[in-house]
Amino acid sequence: MNEMSSPNEPTEVASGSDGAPPWKLLALVLVIAGLITFFVQNRSDAPIHFLWLDGSWPVWSVIGISVVIGIVLDRLGSWQWRRARRRKGRGD
């Protein structure tokens, strides 16, 4: 028969496998808080001249777009690298 815990018993909080705090989650929260602060403080416009695109965009949007493009390029590069390693391992 399963025993259910009573409301007075302490419950376990999610932590690392050894009982340490979840450092990756804490780091993620700090990075997100820093990004939000950065975006709020950089709302002024900056002139943009890229190929045929000329205009004035908010600094936060330019940096945000650059970060997204960087993430996409990183994912594409790591995908290609893993694919090349698999092919080399198979002898294709």
C-alpha atoms as a PDB file:
ATOM      1  CA  MET A   1       0.000   0.000   0.000  1.00  0.00           C
ATOM      2  CA  ASN A   2       1.334   3.451  -0.880  1.00  0.00           C
ATOM      3  CA  GLU A   3       1.789   5.921   1.917  1.00  0.00           C
ATOM      4  CA  MET A   4       0.900   9.500   1.201  1.00  0.00           C
ATOM      5  CA  SER A   5       2.801  12.284   2.910  1.00  0.00           C
ATOM      6  CA  SER A   6       0.929  14.350   5.406  1.00  0.00           C
ATOM      7  CA  PRO A   7       0.594  18.109   4.916  1.00  0.00           C
ATOM      8  CA  ASN A   8       2.958  18.732   7.847  1.00  0.00           C
ATOM      9  CA  GLU A   9       5.893  16.827   6.329  1.00  0.00           C
ATOM     10  CA  PRO A  10       8.515  18.866   4.445  1.00  0.00           C
ATOM     11  CA  THR A  11       8.567  18.454   0.710  1.00  0.00           C
ATOM     12  CA  GLU A  12      11.726  18.114  -1.363  1.00  0.00           C
ATOM     13  CA  VAL A  13      12.850  21.027  -3.504  1.00  0.00           C
ATOM     14  CA  ALA A  14      14.371  20.378  -6.912  1.00  0.00           C
ATOM     15  CA  SER A  15      18.138  20.485  -6.718  1.00  0.00           C
ATOM     16  CA  GLY A  16      21.173  18.910  -8.272  1.00  0.00           C
ATOM     17  CA  SER A  17      21.820  15.187  -8.002  1.00  0.00           C
ATOM     18  CA  ASP A  18      24.012  15.724  -4.928  1.00  0.00           C
ATOM     19  CA  GLY A  19      21.655  18.131  -3.171  1.00  0.00           C
ATOM     20  CA  ALA A  20      23.423  21.220  -4.520  1.00  0.00           C
ATOM     21  CA  PRO A  21      21.384  24.121  -5.885  1.00  0.00           C
ATOM     22  CA  PRO A  22      20.509  23.959  -9.603  1.00  0.00           C
ATOM     23  CA  TRP A  23      23.372  26.166 -10.856  1.00  0.00           C
ATOM     24  CA  LYS A  24      22.353  26.007 -14.502  1.00  0.00           C
ATOM     25  CA  LEU A  25      18.867  27.254 -13.669  1.00  0.00           C
ATOM     26  CA  LEU A  26      20.238  30.053 -11.491  1.00  0.00           C
ATOM     27  CA  ALA A  27      22.660  31.078 -14.259  1.00  0.00           C
ATOM     28  CA  LEU A  28      19.819  31.082 -16.796  1.00  0.00           C
ATOM     29  CA  VAL A  29      17.697  33.315 -14.562  1.00  0.00           C
ATOM     30  CA  LEU A  30      20.617  35.741 -14.118  1.00  0.00           C
ATOM     31  CA  VAL A  31      21.281  35.869 -17.866  1.00  0.00           C
ATOM     32  CA  ILE A  32      17.607  36.519 -18.610  1.00  0.00           C
ATOM     33  CA  ALA A  33      17.457  39.254 -15.961  1.00  0.00           C
ATOM     34  CA  GLY A  34      20.576  40.842 -17.453  1.00  0.00           C
ATOM     35  CA  LEU A  35      19.122  40.721 -20.968  1.00  0.00           C
ATOM     36  CA  ILE A  36      15.858  42.295 -19.850  1.00  0.00           C
ATOM     37  CA  THR A  37      17.780  45.079 -18.095  1.00  0.00           C
ATOM     38  CA  PHE A  38      19.959  45.593 -21.176  1.00  0.00           C
ATOM     39  CA  PHE A  39      16.964  45.786 -23.516  1.00  0.00           C
ATOM     40  CA  VAL A  40      15.120  48.259 -21.282  1.00  0.00           C
ATOM     41  CA  GLN A  41      18.171  50.529 -20.985  1.00  0.00           C
ATOM     42  CA  ASN A  42      18.966  50.522 -24.731  1.00  0.00           C
ATOM     43  CA  ARG A  43      15.754  51.764 -26.281  1.00  0.00           C
ATOM     44  CA  SER A  44      17.357  54.609 -28.244  1.00  0.00           C
ATOM     45  CA  ASP A  45      17.578  54.418 -32.030  1.00  0.00           C
ATOM     46  CA  ALA A  46      20.735  53.775 -34.041  1.00  0.00           C
ATOM     47  CA  PRO A  47      21.282  54.330 -37.767  1.00  0.00           C
ATOM     48  CA  ILE A  48      21.507  51.069 -39.724  1.00  0.00           C
ATOM     49  CA  HIS A  49      23.025  50.688 -43.190  1.00  0.00           C
ATOM     50  CA  PHE A  50      23.094  47.057 -44.362  1.00  0.00           C
ATOM     51  CA  LEU A  51      22.929  46.179 -48.053  1.00  0.00           C
ATOM     52  CA  TRP A  52      19.702  47.829 -49.248  1.00  0.00           C
ATOM     53  CA  LEU A  53      18.299  48.286 -45.728  1.00  0.00           C
ATOM     54  CA  ASP A  54      18.721  51.820 -44.445  1.00  0.00           C
ATOM     55  CA  GLY A  55      16.929  53.199 -41.468  1.00  0.00           C
ATOM     56  CA  SER A  56      16.914  53.760 -37.774  1.00  0.00           C
ATOM     57  CA  TRP A  57      16.241  50.830 -35.452  1.00  0.00           C
ATOM     58  CA  PRO A  58      16.283  50.541 -31.670  1.00  0.00           C
ATOM     59  CA  VAL A  59      19.635  49.299 -30.359  1.00  0.00           C
ATOM     60  CA  TRP A  60      17.991  46.428 -28.476  1.00  0.00           C
ATOM     61  CA  SER A  61      16.397  45.073 -31.646  1.00  0.00           C
ATOM     62  CA  VAL A  62      19.670  45.205 -33.595  1.00  0.00           C
ATOM     63  CA  ILE A  63      21.499  43.327 -30.851  1.00  0.00           C
ATOM     64  CA  GLY A  64      18.600  40.894 -30.405  1.00  0.00           C
ATOM     65  CA  ILE A  65      18.554  40.086 -34.125  1.00  0.00           C
ATOM     66  CA  SER A  66      22.335  39.654 -34.066  1.00  0.00           C
ATOM     67  CA  VAL A  67      22.084  37.219 -31.155  1.00  0.00           C
ATOM     68  CA  VAL A  68      19.393  35.174 -32.938  1.00  0.00           C
ATOM     69  CA  ILE A  69      21.477  35.047 -36.127  1.00  0.00           C
ATOM     70  CA  GLY A  70      24.496  33.965 -34.075  1.00  0.00           C
ATOM     71  CA  ILE A  71      22.519  31.171 -32.419  1.00  0.00           C
ATOM     72  CA  VAL A  72      21.233  29.940 -35.787  1.00  0.00           C
ATOM     73  CA  LEU A  73      24.758  29.962 -37.258  1.00  0.00           C
ATOM     74  CA  ASP A  74      26.074  28.086 -34.216  1.00  0.00           C
ATOM     75  CA  ARG A  75      23.382  25.414 -34.533  1.00  0.00           C
ATOM     76  CA  LEU A  76      24.017  25.015 -38.270  1.00  0.00           C
ATOM     77  CA  GLY A  77      27.774  24.758 -37.716  1.00  0.00           C
ATOM     78  CA  SER A  78      27.485  22.207 -34.923  1.00  0.00           C
ATOM     79  CA  TRP A  79      24.991  20.173 -36.976  1.00  0.00           C
ATOM     80  CA  GLN A  80      27.413  20.114 -39.907  1.00  0.00           C
ATOM     81  CA  TRP A  81      30.310  19.181 -37.614  1.00  0.00           C
ATOM     82  CA  ARG A  82      28.384  16.261 -36.066  1.00  0.00           C
ATOM     83  CA  ARG A  83      27.307  15.104 -39.516  1.00  0.00           C
ATOM     84  CA  ALA A  84      30.922  15.127 -40.747  1.00  0.00           C
ATOM     85  CA  ARG A  85      32.068  13.160 -37.672  1.00  0.00           C
ATOM     86  CA  ARG A  86      29.363  10.530 -38.225  1.00  0.00           C
ATOM     87  CA  ARG A  87      30.343  10.168 -41.873  1.00  0.00           C
ATOM     88  CA  LYS A  88      34.010   9.863 -40.970  1.00  0.00           C
ATOM     89  CA  GLY A  89      33.183   7.200 -38.371  1.00  0.00           C
ATOM     90  CA  ARG A  90      31.176   5.172 -40.915  1.00  0.00           C
ATOM     91  CA  GLY A  91      33.806   5.533 -43.613  1.00  0.00           C
ATOM     92  CA  ASP A  92      31.519   7.151 -46.218  1.00  0.00           C
END
